[in-house]
Protein backbone atom coordinates (compact mmCIF):
# COMPACT_ATOMS: atom_id res chain seq x y z
CA MET A 1 -128.08 -37.48 -20.23
CA ASP A 2 -124.45 -38.25 -19.60
CA ARG A 3 -122.11 -39.08 -22.53
CA VAL A 4 -118.52 -40.27 -22.74
CA ILE A 5 -115.98 -37.58 -23.50
CA GLU A 6 -113.26 -38.90 -25.82
CA LYS A 7 -109.57 -38.02 -25.12
CA LYS A 8 -107.87 -35.90 -27.73
CA HIS A 9 -104.38 -37.68 -27.33
CA LYS A 10 -105.00 -41.33 -26.79
CA TRP A 11 -101.23 -42.18 -26.87
CA LEU A 12 -100.43 -39.83 -23.97
CA ASN A 13 -100.96 -42.19 -21.09
CA LYS A 14 -98.98 -43.23 -18.02
CA LYS A 15 -97.43 -46.26 -19.68
CA THR A 16 -96.21 -44.29 -22.64
CA ILE A 17 -94.63 -41.67 -20.36
CA TRP A 18 -92.67 -44.29 -18.41
CA ILE A 19 -91.43 -45.94 -21.60
CA THR A 20 -90.26 -42.58 -22.96
CA VAL A 21 -88.44 -41.59 -19.75
CA GLY A 22 -86.76 -45.02 -19.56
CA SER A 23 -85.59 -44.79 -23.17
CA ILE A 24 -84.07 -41.37 -22.57
CA LEU A 25 -82.20 -42.64 -19.52
CA VAL A 26 -80.85 -45.63 -21.47
CA LEU A 27 -79.67 -43.34 -24.27
CA LEU A 28 -77.90 -41.06 -21.75
CA VAL A 29 -76.13 -43.99 -20.12
CA ALA A 30 -75.05 -45.41 -23.50
CA TYR A 31 -73.74 -42.03 -24.61
CA ASN A 32 -71.73 -41.67 -21.41
CA ILE A 33 -70.26 -45.14 -21.86
CA PHE A 34 -69.19 -44.65 -25.47
CA PHE A 35 -68.55 -40.92 -25.70
CA GLY A 36 -68.08 -39.68 -22.13
CA ASP A 37 -64.78 -38.73 -20.36
CA LYS A 38 -63.41 -41.96 -18.85
CA SER A 39 -60.15 -40.49 -17.49
CA SER A 40 -59.39 -40.90 -13.77
CA LYS A 41 -59.34 -37.73 -11.70
CA LEU A 42 -58.14 -36.62 -8.29
CA ASN A 43 -58.77 -33.45 -6.34
CA VAL A 44 -55.54 -31.83 -5.12
CA GLU A 45 -55.00 -28.77 -2.96
CA ARG A 46 -52.94 -26.23 -4.86
CA GLU A 47 -51.02 -25.23 -1.72
CA LYS A 48 -49.58 -28.74 -1.33
CA ILE A 49 -47.92 -28.91 -4.75
CA THR A 50 -45.12 -27.01 -6.51
CA ILE A 51 -45.73 -25.62 -9.99
CA GLU A 52 -42.84 -24.42 -12.16
CA SER A 53 -42.61 -23.01 -15.67
CA ILE A 54 -40.76 -24.61 -18.56
CA THR A 55 -38.01 -22.33 -19.87
CA GLN A 56 -35.52 -22.28 -22.71
CA SER A 57 -32.05 -21.24 -21.64
CA GLU A 58 -28.40 -22.29 -21.60
CA PHE A 59 -28.00 -25.75 -20.11
CA LYS A 60 -24.78 -26.10 -18.16
CA ASP A 61 -23.78 -29.76 -18.10
CA TYR A 62 -22.21 -30.17 -14.66
CA ILE A 63 -22.68 -32.09 -11.44
CA ALA A 64 -22.16 -30.83 -7.91
CA GLN A 65 -19.84 -32.96 -5.81
CA ILE A 66 -17.99 -32.82 -2.51
CA GLY A 67 -14.19 -32.81 -2.73
CA THR A 68 -11.91 -33.61 0.19
CA VAL A 69 -8.45 -32.04 0.38
CA GLU A 70 -5.57 -34.52 0.35
CA PRO A 71 -1.80 -34.06 -0.03
CA ILE A 72 -0.59 -34.21 -3.62
CA LYS A 73 1.28 -37.40 -2.74
CA THR A 74 1.52 -39.73 0.25
CA ILE A 75 4.59 -41.88 0.88
CA TYR A 76 4.07 -45.03 2.94
CA LEU A 77 6.60 -46.12 5.55
CA ASP A 78 6.86 -49.92 5.61
CA ALA A 79 9.23 -51.94 7.74
CA ILE A 80 12.19 -53.00 5.57
CA GLU A 81 13.58 -54.96 8.52
CA GLY A 82 11.73 -56.50 11.44
CA GLY A 83 12.62 -55.82 15.04
CA ARG A 84 11.66 -54.37 18.39
CA VAL A 85 10.93 -50.64 18.64
CA GLU A 86 13.60 -49.23 20.94
CA GLU A 87 13.11 -45.48 20.48
CA ILE A 88 10.79 -43.06 18.68
CA LEU A 89 12.72 -39.94 17.74
CA ILE A 90 10.05 -37.95 15.83
CA ASP A 91 6.35 -37.90 16.73
CA GLU A 92 3.57 -37.82 14.16
CA GLY A 93 2.40 -34.40 13.04
CA ASN A 94 5.95 -33.01 12.83
CA MET A 95 7.75 -31.97 9.65
CA VAL A 96 10.65 -34.20 8.59
CA LYS A 97 13.57 -33.87 6.19
CA LYS A 98 14.73 -36.65 3.90
CA GLY A 99 17.05 -38.95 5.88
CA ASP A 100 15.78 -37.98 9.34
CA VAL A 101 15.65 -41.00 11.67
CA ILE A 102 12.05 -41.43 12.80
CA LEU A 103 12.46 -44.50 15.01
CA ARG A 104 15.08 -47.09 15.86
CA LEU A 105 14.66 -50.88 15.99
CA SER A 106 16.76 -53.69 17.47
CA ASN A 107 17.17 -57.23 16.10
CA THR A 108 19.52 -59.73 17.85
CA ASN A 109 18.92 -62.40 15.20
CA LEU A 110 20.20 -60.02 12.55
CA ILE A 111 23.35 -59.33 14.58
CA LEU A 112 24.00 -63.09 14.87
CA GLU A 113 23.41 -63.53 11.14
CA ILE A 114 25.91 -60.79 10.35
CA SER A 115 28.48 -62.37 12.69
CA ASN A 116 28.05 -65.77 11.06
CA ASN A 117 28.46 -64.29 7.59
CA GLU A 118 31.57 -62.38 8.65
CA ALA A 119 33.05 -65.64 10.01
CA GLY A 120 32.14 -67.42 6.75
CA VAL A 121 33.88 -64.74 4.70
CA SER A 122 36.99 -65.00 6.90
CA ARG A 123 37.10 -68.77 6.46
CA ALA A 124 36.72 -68.45 2.71
CA ILE A 125 39.56 -65.94 2.55
CA ASN A 126 41.82 -68.22 4.59
CA GLU A 127 40.99 -71.19 2.35
CA PHE A 128 41.70 -69.06 -0.67
CA GLU A 129 45.10 -68.07 0.65
CA ASN A 130 45.95 -71.67 1.56
CA THR A 131 44.91 -72.83 -1.90
CA LYS A 132 47.08 -70.20 -3.52
CA ILE A 133 50.06 -71.34 -1.43
CA ASN A 134 49.47 -75.03 -2.25
CA LEU A 135 49.08 -74.32 -5.95
CA GLU A 136 52.23 -72.24 -5.92
CA LEU A 137 54.14 -75.07 -4.20
CA GLN A 138 52.84 -77.52 -6.80
CA ARG A 139 53.96 -75.16 -9.56
CA ILE A 140 57.43 -74.87 -8.03
CA ASN A 141 57.74 -78.65 -7.66
CA ARG A 142 56.71 -79.25 -11.24
CA ARG A 143 59.07 -76.55 -12.37
CA GLN A 144 61.91 -78.20 -10.48
CA THR A 145 61.01 -81.55 -11.98
CA LEU A 146 60.97 -80.02 -15.44
CA ILE A 147 64.40 -78.43 -14.88
CA GLU A 148 65.83 -81.72 -13.65
CA THR A 149 64.34 -83.60 -16.59
CA GLU A 150 65.73 -81.01 -19.00
CA ARG A 151 69.19 -81.45 -17.47
CA LEU A 152 68.93 -85.22 -17.75
CA LEU A 153 67.69 -84.90 -21.34
CA LYS A 154 70.74 -82.85 -22.33
CA GLN A 155 73.06 -85.36 -20.66
CA GLN A 156 71.49 -88.36 -22.38
CA ARG A 157 71.47 -86.55 -25.69
CA ARG A 158 75.24 -86.02 -25.47
CA GLN A 159 75.67 -89.69 -24.52
CA TYR A 160 73.50 -90.77 -27.45
CA GLU A 161 75.42 -88.61 -29.95
CA TYR A 162 78.76 -89.87 -28.54
CA ASN A 163 77.63 -93.52 -28.72
CA LYS A 164 76.42 -92.93 -32.25
CA LYS A 165 79.95 -92.05 -33.37
CA LEU A 166 81.43 -94.98 -31.45
CA PHE A 167 78.90 -97.31 -33.04
CA GLU A 168 79.70 -95.97 -36.50
CA ASP A 169 83.41 -96.63 -35.78
CA GLU A 170 82.45 -100.07 -34.44
CA HIS A 171 83.84 -99.38 -30.98
CA ILE A 172 80.58 -100.33 -29.15
CA SER A 173 77.94 -102.89 -29.75
CA LYS A 174 74.60 -102.18 -31.30
CA GLU A 175 72.84 -103.11 -28.03
CA GLU A 176 74.72 -100.47 -26.12
CA PHE A 177 73.94 -97.91 -28.82
CA ASP A 178 70.23 -98.84 -28.80
CA GLN A 179 70.02 -98.51 -25.00
CA SER A 180 71.43 -94.99 -25.10
CA PHE A 181 68.97 -94.05 -27.85
CA GLU A 182 66.02 -95.48 -25.89
CA GLN A 183 67.01 -93.64 -22.69
CA TYR A 184 67.38 -90.38 -24.62
CA ASN A 185 64.05 -90.81 -26.41
CA ALA A 186 62.17 -91.75 -23.19
CA THR A 187 63.59 -88.75 -21.35
CA LYS A 188 62.68 -86.50 -24.27
CA GLN A 189 59.05 -87.74 -24.17
CA GLN A 190 58.97 -87.36 -20.42
CA TYR A 191 60.21 -83.78 -20.75
CA GLU A 192 57.46 -82.92 -23.22
CA LEU A 193 54.91 -84.50 -20.90
CA PHE A 194 56.14 -82.42 -17.96
CA LYS A 195 55.90 -79.27 -20.08
CA GLU A 196 52.26 -80.06 -20.97
CA ALA A 197 51.49 -80.84 -17.34
CA LEU A 198 53.03 -77.56 -16.21
CA LYS A 199 51.02 -75.67 -18.81
CA SER A 200 47.76 -77.43 -17.78
CA ASP A 201 48.50 -76.79 -14.11
CA SER A 202 49.00 -73.13 -14.89
CA LEU A 203 45.59 -72.89 -16.64
CA TYR A 204 43.87 -74.87 -13.87
CA ARG A 205 45.49 -72.70 -11.23
CA LYS A 206 44.32 -69.56 -13.02
CA VAL A 207 40.73 -70.80 -13.34
CA GLN A 208 40.57 -72.10 -9.76
CA LEU A 209 41.99 -68.92 -8.26
CA SER A 210 39.66 -66.76 -10.37
CA SER A 211 36.66 -68.83 -9.28
CA MET A 212 37.62 -68.64 -5.63
CA ASP A 213 38.30 -64.92 -5.95
CA ASN A 214 34.83 -64.34 -7.46
CA GLN A 215 33.27 -66.45 -4.75
CA ILE A 216 34.94 -64.39 -2.05
CA LYS A 217 33.89 -61.16 -3.75
CA ASN A 218 30.28 -62.38 -3.85
CA MET A 219 30.45 -63.32 -0.20
CA GLN A 220 31.85 -59.91 0.63
CA GLU A 221 29.09 -58.21 -1.36
CA ASN A 222 26.50 -60.32 0.45
CA LEU A 223 28.12 -59.37 3.73
CA LYS A 224 27.82 -55.69 2.81
CA ILE A 225 24.13 -56.21 2.03
CA ILE A 226 23.57 -57.97 5.35
CA GLN A 227 25.55 -55.29 7.18
CA GLY A 228 23.41 -52.72 5.38
CA ARG A 229 20.36 -54.34 6.94
CA MET A 230 21.60 -52.99 10.24
CA GLU A 231 21.08 -49.51 8.83
CA ASN A 232 17.50 -50.48 7.97
CA LEU A 233 16.84 -50.81 11.68
CA LYS A 234 16.83 -47.01 11.60
CA VAL A 235 13.55 -46.03 9.96
CA LYS A 236 14.26 -42.83 8.04
CA ALA A 237 12.09 -40.27 6.25
CA PRO A 238 12.21 -41.01 2.50
CA VAL A 239 11.24 -37.44 1.50
CA ASP A 240 10.67 -33.99 2.95
CA GLY A 241 7.15 -33.65 4.30
CA GLU A 242 4.81 -34.10 7.22
CA LEU A 243 4.85 -37.27 9.30
CA ALA A 244 1.11 -37.82 9.04
CA ASN A 245 0.84 -40.84 11.31
CA LEU A 246 3.09 -43.26 13.14
CA ASN A 247 1.62 -46.60 14.20
CA PRO A 248 4.21 -48.44 16.39
CA GLU A 249 4.81 -47.92 20.09
CA VAL A 250 8.05 -48.35 22.06
CA GLY A 251 8.54 -52.03 22.90
CA GLU A 252 6.34 -53.27 20.08
CA VAL A 253 7.75 -55.97 17.80
CA ILE A 254 7.08 -55.32 14.13
CA THR A 255 7.74 -57.69 11.24
CA TYR A 256 9.01 -57.15 7.72
CA GLY A 257 6.48 -55.34 5.52
CA ASN A 258 4.39 -53.88 8.35
CA ARG A 259 2.96 -50.42 7.70
CA ILE A 260 4.74 -48.07 10.11
CA GLY A 261 3.28 -44.73 9.04
CA THR A 262 2.92 -42.22 6.22
CA VAL A 263 4.65 -39.03 5.11
CA ASN A 264 2.59 -36.41 3.29
CA ILE A 265 4.28 -34.27 0.65
CA LEU A 266 2.85 -30.79 1.15
CA ASP A 267 4.29 -29.08 -1.93
CA ASP A 268 0.78 -29.16 -3.39
CA TYR A 269 -2.72 -30.49 -2.74
CA LYS A 270 -5.43 -32.39 -4.59
CA LEU A 271 -9.13 -33.03 -4.08
CA ARG A 272 -10.45 -36.57 -3.81
CA VAL A 273 -13.99 -36.62 -5.23
CA GLU A 274 -16.45 -39.53 -5.06
CA ILE A 275 -18.98 -39.64 -7.92
CA ASP A 276 -22.12 -41.70 -8.53
CA GLU A 277 -21.46 -44.65 -10.87
CA HIS A 278 -24.20 -43.26 -13.17
CA TYR A 279 -21.57 -40.85 -14.56
CA ILE A 280 -18.66 -43.31 -14.88
CA ALA A 281 -18.89 -43.41 -18.69
CA ARG A 282 -18.77 -39.60 -18.96
CA VAL A 283 -15.97 -38.86 -16.50
CA ARG A 284 -12.45 -38.80 -17.94
CA ILE A 285 -9.04 -37.28 -17.25
CA GLY A 286 -8.85 -33.56 -18.04
CA LEU A 287 -12.47 -32.60 -17.25
CA PRO A 288 -12.53 -29.16 -15.56
CA GLY A 289 -14.13 -28.21 -12.28
CA SER A 290 -14.28 -25.24 -9.92
CA PHE A 291 -15.40 -24.13 -6.46
CA ASP A 292 -15.88 -20.86 -4.60
CA PHE A 293 -14.12 -20.12 -1.32
CA ASN A 294 -13.78 -16.84 0.58
CA GLY A 295 -15.10 -14.88 -2.39
CA SER A 296 -12.69 -16.36 -4.93
CA ASN A 297 -13.16 -19.00 -7.59
CA TYR A 298 -10.60 -21.81 -7.88
CA LYS A 299 -10.23 -24.06 -10.92
CA LEU A 300 -9.19 -27.72 -11.10
CA LYS A 301 -9.08 -30.62 -13.52
CA ILE A 302 -9.31 -34.38 -13.18
CA ASP A 303 -5.83 -35.91 -12.98
CA LYS A 304 -6.70 -39.54 -12.19
CA VAL A 305 -9.81 -41.71 -12.43
CA TYR A 306 -10.08 -44.76 -10.15
CA PRO A 307 -12.04 -47.46 -12.03
CA GLU A 308 -13.13 -49.42 -8.96
CA VAL A 309 -16.78 -48.91 -7.97
CA THR A 310 -17.58 -49.24 -4.25
CA ASN A 311 -21.10 -48.88 -2.87
CA GLY A 312 -22.26 -47.37 -6.14
CA ARG A 313 -19.55 -44.69 -6.29
CA PHE A 314 -16.11 -44.27 -7.83
CA ALA A 315 -13.34 -41.77 -7.04
CA VAL A 316 -11.26 -39.25 -8.99
CA ASP A 317 -8.32 -37.02 -8.07
CA MET A 318 -8.48 -33.37 -9.11
CA ILE A 319 -5.48 -31.03 -9.15
CA PHE A 320 -5.43 -27.24 -9.17
CA THR A 321 -4.97 -25.43 -12.46
CA SER A 322 -5.12 -22.04 -10.74
CA GLU A 323 -3.87 -20.69 -7.45
CA LYS A 324 -5.01 -22.73 -4.45
CA PRO A 325 -6.56 -21.21 -1.27
CA ASP A 326 -4.06 -19.93 1.26
CA GLN A 327 -5.82 -21.52 4.22
CA ILE A 328 -6.31 -24.95 2.65
CA ARG A 329 -5.95 -27.86 5.06
CA ILE A 330 -5.87 -31.63 4.68
CA GLY A 331 -9.34 -33.06 5.31
CA GLN A 332 -11.12 -29.82 4.40
CA THR A 333 -14.12 -30.23 2.08
CA PHE A 334 -15.40 -28.05 -0.77
CA ARG A 335 -18.59 -28.24 -2.83
CA LEU A 336 -17.44 -28.06 -6.43
CA LYS A 337 -18.92 -28.09 -9.92
CA LEU A 338 -17.57 -30.77 -12.23
CA GLU A 339 -18.23 -29.96 -15.90
CA LEU A 340 -19.20 -32.98 -18.01
CA GLY A 341 -19.73 -31.25 -21.34
CA GLU A 342 -20.18 -27.98 -23.21
CA SER A 343 -23.09 -25.64 -22.42
CA LYS A 344 -25.83 -25.22 -25.04
CA GLN A 345 -29.40 -23.90 -25.43
CA ALA A 346 -32.13 -26.34 -24.32
CA VAL A 347 -35.68 -26.61 -22.97
CA LEU A 348 -35.35 -26.87 -19.19
CA ILE A 349 -37.54 -28.20 -16.41
CA PRO A 350 -36.57 -27.48 -12.78
CA ARG A 351 -35.53 -30.46 -10.69
CA GLY A 352 -38.07 -31.85 -8.27
CA GLY A 353 -39.51 -34.92 -6.60
CA PHE A 354 -41.52 -35.86 -9.70
CA TYR A 355 -38.43 -37.50 -11.23
CA GLN A 356 -38.22 -40.07 -8.46
CA SER A 357 -41.91 -40.92 -9.01
CA THR A 358 -41.90 -41.14 -12.82
CA GLY A 359 -38.28 -41.67 -13.80
CA GLY A 360 -38.67 -38.58 -16.00
CA GLN A 361 -41.03 -40.38 -18.40
CA TRP A 362 -44.12 -38.19 -17.80
CA VAL A 363 -45.34 -35.12 -15.90
CA TYR A 364 -48.56 -33.34 -15.00
CA VAL A 365 -48.99 -30.28 -17.24
CA VAL A 366 -51.15 -27.46 -15.78
CA ASP A 367 -53.69 -25.76 -18.09
CA GLU A 368 -53.77 -22.00 -18.70
CA ASP A 369 -56.45 -21.46 -16.03
CA ASN A 370 -54.39 -23.31 -13.40
CA ASN A 371 -57.41 -25.48 -12.64
CA VAL A 372 -56.48 -28.84 -14.14
CA ALA A 373 -53.18 -30.75 -14.55
CA VAL A 374 -53.11 -33.44 -17.23
CA LYS A 375 -50.68 -36.34 -17.46
CA ARG A 376 -48.30 -36.10 -20.46
CA ASN A 377 -45.44 -38.28 -21.67
CA ILE A 378 -42.04 -36.55 -22.04
CA SER A 379 -38.40 -37.43 -22.70
CA ILE A 380 -35.56 -36.15 -20.48
CA GLY A 381 -31.86 -36.08 -21.38
CA ARG A 382 -29.01 -34.69 -19.31
CA GLN A 383 -29.35 -33.16 -15.86
CA ASN A 384 -27.50 -30.84 -13.53
CA PRO A 385 -28.18 -29.90 -9.90
CA ARG A 386 -30.86 -27.37 -10.95
CA TYR A 387 -32.47 -28.56 -14.19
CA TYR A 388 -33.34 -31.50 -16.42
CA GLU A 389 -32.89 -31.18 -20.17
CA VAL A 390 -36.23 -31.81 -21.94
CA LEU A 391 -35.79 -33.58 -25.28
CA GLU A 392 -39.47 -33.73 -26.25
CA GLY A 393 -42.99 -33.38 -24.86
CA LEU A 394 -42.87 -29.85 -23.38
CA GLU A 395 -42.62 -26.32 -24.74
CA PRO A 396 -41.24 -23.16 -23.11
CA GLY A 397 -43.92 -21.29 -21.14
CA GLU A 398 -45.90 -24.37 -20.14
CA LYS A 399 -46.35 -25.10 -16.44
CA VAL A 400 -45.81 -28.46 -14.76
CA ILE A 401 -46.05 -29.88 -11.28
CA VAL A 402 -42.49 -30.68 -10.15
CA SER A 403 -43.18 -31.84 -6.59
CA SER A 404 -43.52 -35.53 -5.73
CA TYR A 405 -46.28 -37.60 -7.38
CA ASP A 406 -46.23 -40.38 -4.79
CA ASN A 407 -49.76 -39.58 -3.49
CA PHE A 408 -51.44 -39.19 -6.90
CA ASN A 409 -51.74 -42.90 -7.76
CA ASP A 410 -50.97 -42.22 -11.46
CA VAL A 411 -54.38 -40.66 -12.15
CA ASP A 412 -54.88 -39.01 -15.56
CA GLN A 413 -56.01 -35.59 -14.28
CA LEU A 414 -55.52 -33.53 -11.19
CA ILE A 415 -58.28 -31.09 -10.25
CA LEU A 416 -56.57 -28.16 -8.51
CA LYS A 417 -58.59 -26.70 -5.64
């Protein structure tokens, strides 16, 4: 007869199997959450990136800049006197010698002003001469009066002394004697007064004539200055050089202070260099620079730093410390190296688009198998047109991606395919 066959493993049933499988799955998920790799990743084609090696070599602290040739000095021609342009004697682009007349102006108002001043000087001279004559006549009159008073004084003195004897001998009355004494004494006082007046007139005459003479001299000096303004109607070259440009045209009326043109001194040349304001604290007078031209190297140094910053750039003037190129021309440009500091050994990373993406704060470092690039923080110091100086975070021999990171979205790892 049939009998029930008992199972050897009662626990091994369908329910138990499902519970076991579910527990394993939960454990796997929990392990992945707590212990798994949570870094973000991105697949990148190796052909679309640039990988460079980190090296240790001499870091040359320089920047590459464009220098424009300018004359060593430019003299500006400004109108010293206003007027109408009557004639242009030398055209721009020609060489001039100091004193050469470049153009000639006319100014009728200036001519009238000179005529009026000449007439004023003539009137002043005539008044001066008339005053001298009048003062001399006054002096003569006073002198005559003094002589006449002196004669009268001597006469009355004799009369007084004669009457004194007569009075002592009682031949005349006391009244008659007193009258002679009073006349003598009054004339004596009058004589002294005339002497003082003559002396004062002499001092006054001297001061007045000296003042008038100085006034006339000043007027004559002013007249010379005004007459000299006529010479300013001839615009002359202030130095030897090249008449670089000339602005006025014949018939044009220019006013005092207008810029007429410029004269370039061609004894030497300089390079005007515009530099990014990032370097303004490191650029100073005396820094050396150089450029190559026609197979030769030419050396310069900074002679002047312009402190004004315009559109994020400032300018410096560089002069030659060696021979200058024979075929140098104003306006010609050269690509030069401007040295900012001494060269020294450093860890170097080649320049690339990564710097614009990260600001030099981190890079992707490629592993030894060239399969994965991992994000790593670094510190960058100085830079030149070819390299950045690595202060920390990288070692010589390591490889990094130096091309732009704009399409990587700051992921932690790049999987190179």
